[in-house]
């Protein structure tokens, strides 16, 4: 199943907002996580902050160092390269529960 294209919009001079999906979902979150990690790995000069939310992310950049259209093009390239389905196995969770009791009838047990 193909992913919907991400909607990009600029906020002011130094913010790029990306809406991954209109609805919050784990798929949208992990798609954003994958994309923001890829952007971070690029180490583009001028990228100041990358802020991931559930179904969106925002990039704060210095427009004097990094032109807005260059950042947008880089994100679109990363998006095109990361649109394949993730073939990794999902992580498994294990919960260990321990029950402890304290004998308050024996005051020597507390020391």
N, C-alpha and C. Protein backbone atom coordinates (compact mmCIF):
# COMPACT_ATOMS: atom_id res chain seq x y z
N UNK A 1 0.85 -1.18 0.00
CA UNK A 1 0.00 0.00 0.00
C UNK A 1 0.89 1.24 0.00
N UNK A 2 0.65 2.14 -0.93
CA UNK A 2 1.46 3.34 -1.04
C UNK A 2 1.04 4.36 0.02
N UNK A 3 2.02 5.13 0.46
CA UNK A 3 1.75 6.19 1.44
C UNK A 3 1.22 7.42 0.73
N UNK A 4 0.36 8.16 1.42
CA UNK A 4 -0.09 9.44 0.89
C UNK A 4 1.08 10.41 0.90
N UNK A 5 1.12 11.33 -0.06
CA UNK A 5 2.20 12.31 -0.04
C UNK A 5 2.10 13.23 1.18
N UNK A 6 3.24 13.61 1.68
CA UNK A 6 3.29 14.52 2.83
C UNK A 6 2.98 15.93 2.35
N UNK A 7 2.20 16.66 3.13
CA UNK A 7 1.86 18.06 2.79
C UNK A 7 2.84 18.99 3.51
N UNK A 8 3.56 19.77 2.75
CA UNK A 8 4.55 20.69 3.30
C UNK A 8 4.03 22.12 3.22
N UNK A 9 4.33 22.92 4.24
CA UNK A 9 4.00 24.35 4.21
C UNK A 9 5.04 25.10 5.04
N UNK A 10 5.32 26.30 4.62
CA UNK A 10 6.29 27.13 5.32
C UNK A 10 5.56 28.01 6.32
N UNK A 11 6.16 28.17 7.49
CA UNK A 11 5.64 29.04 8.52
C UNK A 11 6.65 30.13 8.81
N UNK A 12 6.35 31.33 8.38
CA UNK A 12 7.31 32.41 8.56
C UNK A 12 8.54 32.18 7.68
N UNK A 13 9.66 32.74 8.11
CA UNK A 13 10.89 32.63 7.33
C UNK A 13 11.72 31.41 7.68
N UNK A 14 11.49 30.83 8.85
CA UNK A 14 12.45 29.80 9.29
C UNK A 14 11.81 28.49 9.75
N UNK A 15 10.58 28.23 9.38
CA UNK A 15 9.93 26.98 9.76
C UNK A 15 9.34 26.28 8.55
N UNK A 16 9.52 24.97 8.51
CA UNK A 16 8.87 24.14 7.51
C UNK A 16 8.03 23.11 8.26
N UNK A 17 6.74 23.09 8.00
CA UNK A 17 5.82 22.17 8.65
C UNK A 17 5.45 21.08 7.66
N UNK A 18 5.45 19.84 8.14
CA UNK A 18 5.09 18.70 7.29
C UNK A 18 3.98 17.91 7.96
N UNK A 19 2.85 17.79 7.27
CA UNK A 19 1.73 17.01 7.78
C UNK A 19 1.78 15.64 7.09
N UNK A 20 2.08 14.61 7.87
CA UNK A 20 2.22 13.26 7.32
C UNK A 20 0.85 12.67 7.04
N UNK A 21 -0.07 12.86 7.95
CA UNK A 21 -1.42 12.33 7.80
C UNK A 21 -2.36 13.20 8.61
N UNK A 22 -3.63 13.24 8.21
CA UNK A 22 -4.61 14.01 8.97
C UNK A 22 -5.00 13.32 10.26
N UNK A 23 -4.86 12.00 10.31
CA UNK A 23 -5.22 11.23 11.49
C UNK A 23 -3.97 10.73 12.19
N UNK A 24 -4.02 10.69 13.51
CA UNK A 24 -2.91 10.15 14.28
C UNK A 24 -2.92 8.63 14.18
N UNK A 25 -1.76 8.07 13.87
CA UNK A 25 -1.64 6.62 13.80
C UNK A 25 -0.18 6.25 14.02
N UNK A 26 0.03 5.01 14.38
CA UNK A 26 1.41 4.55 14.55
C UNK A 26 2.15 4.56 13.21
N UNK A 27 1.46 4.22 12.14
CA UNK A 27 2.08 4.23 10.82
C UNK A 27 2.59 5.63 10.47
N UNK A 28 1.77 6.65 10.72
CA UNK A 28 2.18 8.03 10.45
C UNK A 28 3.34 8.44 11.35
N UNK A 29 3.27 8.04 12.62
CA UNK A 29 4.34 8.40 13.55
C UNK A 29 5.67 7.79 13.11
N UNK A 30 5.67 6.50 12.80
CA UNK A 30 6.92 5.86 12.42
C UNK A 30 7.43 6.33 11.06
N UNK A 31 6.53 6.72 10.19
CA UNK A 31 6.96 7.32 8.91
C UNK A 31 7.67 8.65 9.18
N UNK A 32 7.10 9.46 10.07
CA UNK A 32 7.74 10.72 10.44
C UNK A 32 9.06 10.51 11.15
N UNK A 33 9.11 9.52 12.03
CA UNK A 33 10.35 9.21 12.74
C UNK A 33 11.45 8.81 11.77
N UNK A 34 11.11 7.97 10.82
CA UNK A 34 12.07 7.52 9.82
C UNK A 34 12.59 8.70 8.99
N UNK A 35 11.68 9.58 8.59
CA UNK A 35 12.04 10.71 7.75
C UNK A 35 12.87 11.75 8.52
N UNK A 36 12.48 12.03 9.76
CA UNK A 36 13.24 13.03 10.54
C UNK A 36 14.62 12.50 10.91
N UNK A 37 14.74 11.20 11.16
CA UNK A 37 16.07 10.62 11.42
C UNK A 37 16.94 10.69 10.17
N UNK A 38 16.34 10.46 9.01
CA UNK A 38 17.09 10.56 7.76
C UNK A 38 17.54 12.00 7.53
N UNK A 39 16.68 12.96 7.82
CA UNK A 39 17.05 14.37 7.67
C UNK A 39 18.17 14.73 8.63
N UNK A 40 18.07 14.24 9.86
CA UNK A 40 19.12 14.51 10.85
C UNK A 40 20.45 13.92 10.41
N UNK A 41 20.41 12.74 9.80
CA UNK A 41 21.64 12.10 9.35
C UNK A 41 22.30 12.87 8.20
N UNK A 42 21.52 13.63 7.46
CA UNK A 42 22.08 14.45 6.36
C UNK A 42 22.98 15.56 6.87
N UNK A 43 22.74 15.99 8.10
CA UNK A 43 23.50 17.08 8.73
C UNK A 43 23.60 18.31 7.82
N UNK A 44 22.45 18.73 7.32
CA UNK A 44 22.42 19.92 6.47
C UNK A 44 22.79 21.15 7.28
N UNK A 45 23.72 21.95 6.79
CA UNK A 45 24.02 23.19 7.50
C UNK A 45 22.81 24.12 7.46
N UNK A 46 22.49 24.70 8.58
CA UNK A 46 21.35 25.60 8.65
C UNK A 46 20.13 24.99 9.31
N UNK A 47 20.08 23.67 9.46
CA UNK A 47 18.96 23.04 10.17
C UNK A 47 19.22 23.21 11.66
N UNK A 48 18.31 23.89 12.33
CA UNK A 48 18.50 24.20 13.75
C UNK A 48 17.77 23.23 14.66
N UNK A 49 16.52 22.89 14.35
CA UNK A 49 15.72 21.99 15.18
C UNK A 49 14.85 21.13 14.29
N UNK A 50 14.65 19.91 14.73
CA UNK A 50 13.69 19.01 14.09
C UNK A 50 12.77 18.52 15.20
N UNK A 51 11.50 18.84 15.08
CA UNK A 51 10.54 18.51 16.14
C UNK A 51 9.47 17.58 15.58
N UNK A 52 9.48 16.34 16.05
CA UNK A 52 8.53 15.33 15.59
C UNK A 52 7.31 15.30 16.50
N UNK A 53 6.14 15.23 15.88
CA UNK A 53 4.89 15.03 16.62
C UNK A 53 4.30 13.71 16.15
N UNK A 54 3.06 13.43 16.50
CA UNK A 54 2.49 12.14 16.15
C UNK A 54 2.31 11.96 14.65
N UNK A 55 1.67 12.89 13.99
CA UNK A 55 1.39 12.75 12.56
C UNK A 55 1.95 13.91 11.75
N UNK A 56 2.96 14.58 12.30
CA UNK A 56 3.57 15.72 11.61
C UNK A 56 4.95 15.96 12.20
N UNK A 57 5.68 16.85 11.56
CA UNK A 57 6.94 17.31 12.13
C UNK A 57 7.21 18.72 11.64
N UNK A 58 8.09 19.39 12.33
CA UNK A 58 8.45 20.76 11.99
C UNK A 58 9.97 20.89 12.00
N UNK A 59 10.49 21.62 11.04
CA UNK A 59 11.93 21.85 10.95
C UNK A 59 12.16 23.35 11.06
N UNK A 60 13.00 23.74 12.00
CA UNK A 60 13.40 25.15 12.11
C UNK A 60 14.78 25.25 11.47
N UNK A 61 14.93 26.20 10.58
CA UNK A 61 16.19 26.35 9.85
C UNK A 61 16.55 27.83 9.72
N UNK A 62 17.82 28.06 9.44
CA UNK A 62 18.31 29.42 9.22
C UNK A 62 18.28 29.69 7.72
N UNK A 63 17.38 30.57 7.24
CA UNK A 63 17.26 30.80 5.80
C UNK A 63 18.47 31.52 5.20
N UNK A 64 19.32 32.10 6.05
CA UNK A 64 20.54 32.73 5.54
C UNK A 64 21.60 31.69 5.19
N UNK A 65 21.47 30.50 5.77
CA UNK A 65 22.44 29.42 5.53
C UNK A 65 21.86 28.37 4.58
N UNK A 66 20.58 28.06 4.76
CA UNK A 66 19.91 27.01 3.98
C UNK A 66 18.67 27.59 3.32
N UNK A 67 18.67 27.62 2.00
CA UNK A 67 17.52 28.16 1.27
C UNK A 67 16.30 27.25 1.48
N UNK A 68 15.12 27.85 1.67
CA UNK A 68 13.91 27.05 1.92
C UNK A 68 13.64 25.99 0.85
N UNK A 69 13.83 26.34 -0.41
CA UNK A 69 13.55 25.38 -1.48
C UNK A 69 14.53 24.20 -1.46
N UNK A 70 15.75 24.43 -1.00
CA UNK A 70 16.74 23.35 -0.90
C UNK A 70 16.32 22.36 0.19
N UNK A 71 15.87 22.88 1.32
CA UNK A 71 15.39 22.02 2.40
C UNK A 71 14.17 21.21 1.93
N UNK A 72 13.23 21.86 1.27
CA UNK A 72 12.04 21.18 0.79
C UNK A 72 12.41 20.08 -0.21
N UNK A 73 13.31 20.38 -1.14
CA UNK A 73 13.74 19.38 -2.12
C UNK A 73 14.41 18.19 -1.45
N UNK A 74 15.24 18.46 -0.43
CA UNK A 74 15.92 17.38 0.28
C UNK A 74 14.91 16.49 0.99
N UNK A 75 13.91 17.08 1.62
CA UNK A 75 12.88 16.29 2.29
C UNK A 75 12.08 15.46 1.30
N UNK A 76 11.80 16.01 0.14
CA UNK A 76 11.05 15.26 -0.87
C UNK A 76 11.86 14.09 -1.42
N UNK A 77 13.17 14.28 -1.54
CA UNK A 77 14.05 13.18 -1.96
C UNK A 77 14.06 12.09 -0.89
N UNK A 78 14.18 12.50 0.37
CA UNK A 78 14.18 11.53 1.47
C UNK A 78 12.83 10.81 1.56
N UNK A 79 11.76 11.55 1.33
CA UNK A 79 10.42 10.95 1.37
C UNK A 79 10.29 9.89 0.27
N UNK A 80 10.75 10.20 -0.92
CA UNK A 80 10.67 9.24 -2.03
C UNK A 80 11.50 8.00 -1.75
N UNK A 81 12.63 8.17 -1.09
CA UNK A 81 13.50 7.03 -0.78
C UNK A 81 13.03 6.21 0.39
N UNK A 82 12.17 6.75 1.24
CA UNK A 82 11.70 6.06 2.45
C UNK A 82 10.27 5.59 2.35
N UNK A 83 9.69 5.56 1.16
CA UNK A 83 8.29 5.19 1.04
C UNK A 83 8.04 3.69 0.97
N UNK A 84 9.08 2.90 0.92
CA UNK A 84 8.89 1.46 0.89
C UNK A 84 8.40 0.94 2.22
N UNK A 85 7.77 -0.21 2.20
CA UNK A 85 7.30 -0.82 3.44
C UNK A 85 8.49 -1.26 4.26
N UNK A 86 8.39 -1.12 5.54
CA UNK A 86 9.45 -1.52 6.46
C UNK A 86 9.40 -3.04 6.61
N UNK A 87 10.52 -3.71 6.32
CA UNK A 87 10.55 -5.16 6.36
C UNK A 87 11.11 -5.70 7.67
N UNK A 88 11.46 -4.82 8.60
CA UNK A 88 12.00 -5.29 9.87
C UNK A 88 10.90 -5.94 10.71
N UNK A 89 11.31 -6.89 11.54
CA UNK A 89 10.35 -7.53 12.44
C UNK A 89 9.96 -6.54 13.54
N UNK A 90 8.70 -6.53 13.93
CA UNK A 90 8.31 -5.65 15.04
C UNK A 90 8.96 -6.12 16.33
N UNK A 91 9.23 -5.19 17.20
CA UNK A 91 9.84 -5.51 18.50
C UNK A 91 8.82 -6.22 19.37
N UNK A 92 9.31 -7.11 20.19
CA UNK A 92 8.41 -7.78 21.13
C UNK A 92 8.63 -7.19 22.52
N UNK A 93 7.58 -7.14 23.27
CA UNK A 93 7.65 -6.61 24.62
C UNK A 93 7.42 -7.73 25.62
N UNK A 94 8.16 -7.67 26.70
CA UNK A 94 7.95 -8.62 27.78
C UNK A 94 7.85 -7.83 29.06
N UNK A 95 6.90 -8.21 29.87
CA UNK A 95 6.68 -7.53 31.14
C UNK A 95 6.94 -8.52 32.26
N UNK A 96 7.80 -8.18 33.16
CA UNK A 96 8.08 -9.01 34.32
C UNK A 96 7.49 -8.34 35.54
N UNK A 97 6.72 -9.09 36.29
CA UNK A 97 6.08 -8.56 37.50
C UNK A 97 6.61 -9.33 38.70
N UNK A 98 6.98 -8.60 39.72
CA UNK A 98 7.48 -9.20 40.95
C UNK A 98 6.57 -8.76 42.09
N UNK A 99 6.27 -9.69 42.97
CA UNK A 99 5.47 -9.38 44.14
C UNK A 99 6.37 -9.53 45.36
N UNK A 100 6.39 -8.52 46.19
CA UNK A 100 7.17 -8.59 47.42
C UNK A 100 6.25 -8.32 48.60
N UNK A 101 6.59 -8.93 49.70
CA UNK A 101 5.82 -8.69 50.91
C UNK A 101 6.77 -8.32 52.03
N UNK A 102 6.29 -7.58 52.96
CA UNK A 102 7.08 -7.15 54.10
C UNK A 102 6.35 -7.59 55.36
N UNK A 103 7.06 -8.34 56.18
CA UNK A 103 6.47 -8.82 57.43
C UNK A 103 6.65 -7.73 58.48
N UNK A 104 5.59 -6.99 58.74
CA UNK A 104 5.67 -5.89 59.71
C UNK A 104 5.51 -6.36 61.15
N UNK A 105 5.17 -7.64 61.32
CA UNK A 105 5.04 -8.16 62.69
C UNK A 105 6.39 -8.39 63.33
N UNK A 106 7.43 -8.52 62.52
CA UNK A 106 8.77 -8.78 63.04
C UNK A 106 9.62 -7.52 62.85
N UNK A 107 9.84 -6.69 63.89
CA UNK A 107 10.61 -5.45 63.73
C UNK A 107 12.07 -5.70 63.35
N UNK A 108 12.63 -6.86 63.65
CA UNK A 108 14.00 -7.17 63.27
C UNK A 108 14.16 -7.36 61.75
N UNK A 109 13.07 -7.65 61.08
CA UNK A 109 13.14 -7.86 59.63
C UNK A 109 13.36 -6.55 58.88
N UNK A 110 13.11 -5.42 59.52
CA UNK A 110 13.29 -4.12 58.87
C UNK A 110 14.72 -3.64 58.87
N UNK A 111 15.58 -4.21 59.72
CA UNK A 111 16.96 -3.73 59.79
C UNK A 111 17.91 -4.58 59.00
